Protein backbone atom coordinates (compact mmCIF):
# COMPACT_ATOMS: atom_id res chain seq x y z
CA MET A 1 -32.11 16.11 -6.59
CA PRO A 2 -30.75 16.43 -3.39
CA SER A 3 -29.17 19.47 -2.04
CA LYS A 4 -25.48 20.48 -1.46
CA SER A 5 -26.27 20.32 2.68
CA ASP A 6 -27.81 16.61 2.20
CA ILE A 7 -24.87 15.90 -0.15
CA GLU A 8 -22.14 17.01 2.06
CA TYR A 9 -23.98 15.15 4.99
CA GLN A 10 -23.67 12.23 3.86
CA ILE A 11 -20.21 12.67 2.93
CA LYS A 12 -19.14 13.11 6.16
CA GLU A 13 -21.64 10.44 7.78
CA LEU A 14 -19.96 7.97 5.14
CA LYS A 15 -16.80 8.94 6.10
CA MET A 16 -17.03 8.40 9.96
CA ASP A 17 -18.70 5.13 9.07
CA TYR A 18 -15.56 4.06 6.41
CA MET A 19 -13.71 5.26 9.49
CA ASN A 20 -15.03 2.77 12.03
CA LEU A 21 -15.06 -0.20 9.59
CA GLN A 22 -11.51 0.17 9.14
CA GLY A 23 -10.93 0.23 12.86
CA ASP A 24 -12.84 -2.75 13.01
CA ILE A 25 -11.16 -4.69 10.46
CA GLU A 26 -7.74 -3.70 12.07
CA LYS A 27 -9.56 -5.50 15.51
CA LEU A 28 -10.70 -8.65 13.26
CA GLU A 29 -7.29 -9.05 11.56
CA SER A 30 -5.50 -9.08 15.24
CA THR A 31 -8.02 -11.58 16.06
CA GLY A 32 -7.75 -13.67 13.30
CA HIS A 33 -11.44 -13.31 11.86
CA ASN A 34 -10.05 -13.89 7.72
CA ASP A 35 -13.36 -14.39 6.84
CA GLN A 36 -15.25 -11.53 8.15
CA VAL A 37 -11.92 -9.14 6.97
CA THR A 38 -13.05 -9.95 3.95
CA GLN A 39 -16.37 -8.99 3.83
CA ALA A 40 -15.35 -6.01 5.75
CA GLU A 41 -12.94 -4.92 3.06
CA GLN A 42 -15.52 -5.62 0.85
CA ARG A 43 -18.10 -2.82 2.45
CA LEU A 44 -14.92 -0.60 2.36
CA ALA A 45 -14.62 -0.90 -1.45
CA ASN A 46 -18.37 -0.44 -1.80
CA MET A 47 -18.38 3.08 0.51
CA GLU A 48 -15.27 3.97 -1.89
CA THR A 49 -17.39 3.92 -5.00
CA LYS A 50 -20.47 5.81 -2.78
CA LEU A 51 -18.32 8.41 -1.45
CA ALA A 52 -17.27 9.14 -5.31
CA GLU A 53 -20.16 9.22 -6.54
CA LEU A 54 -21.21 11.78 -4.08
CA ASN A 55 -18.15 13.85 -4.39
CA LYS A 56 -18.98 13.60 -8.23
CA GLN A 57 -22.75 14.98 -7.54
CA LEU A 58 -21.34 17.47 -5.33
CA ALA A 59 -18.70 18.97 -8.24
CA ALA A 60 -22.06 19.05 -10.61
CA LEU A 61 -23.60 21.26 -8.34
């Protein structure tokens, strides 16, 4: 089982990746790359699920 600090680090890292991907999506949308936007949005959804799991693990500690 990961430690509290490990989970907190994973959460911070995931949040940074999430914010970067949001910026990438905005750039893709502005340049008309809709197929890549859809893929990136799916990655965001996966990140949200993972973030919820990590927060649940953190709360259980």
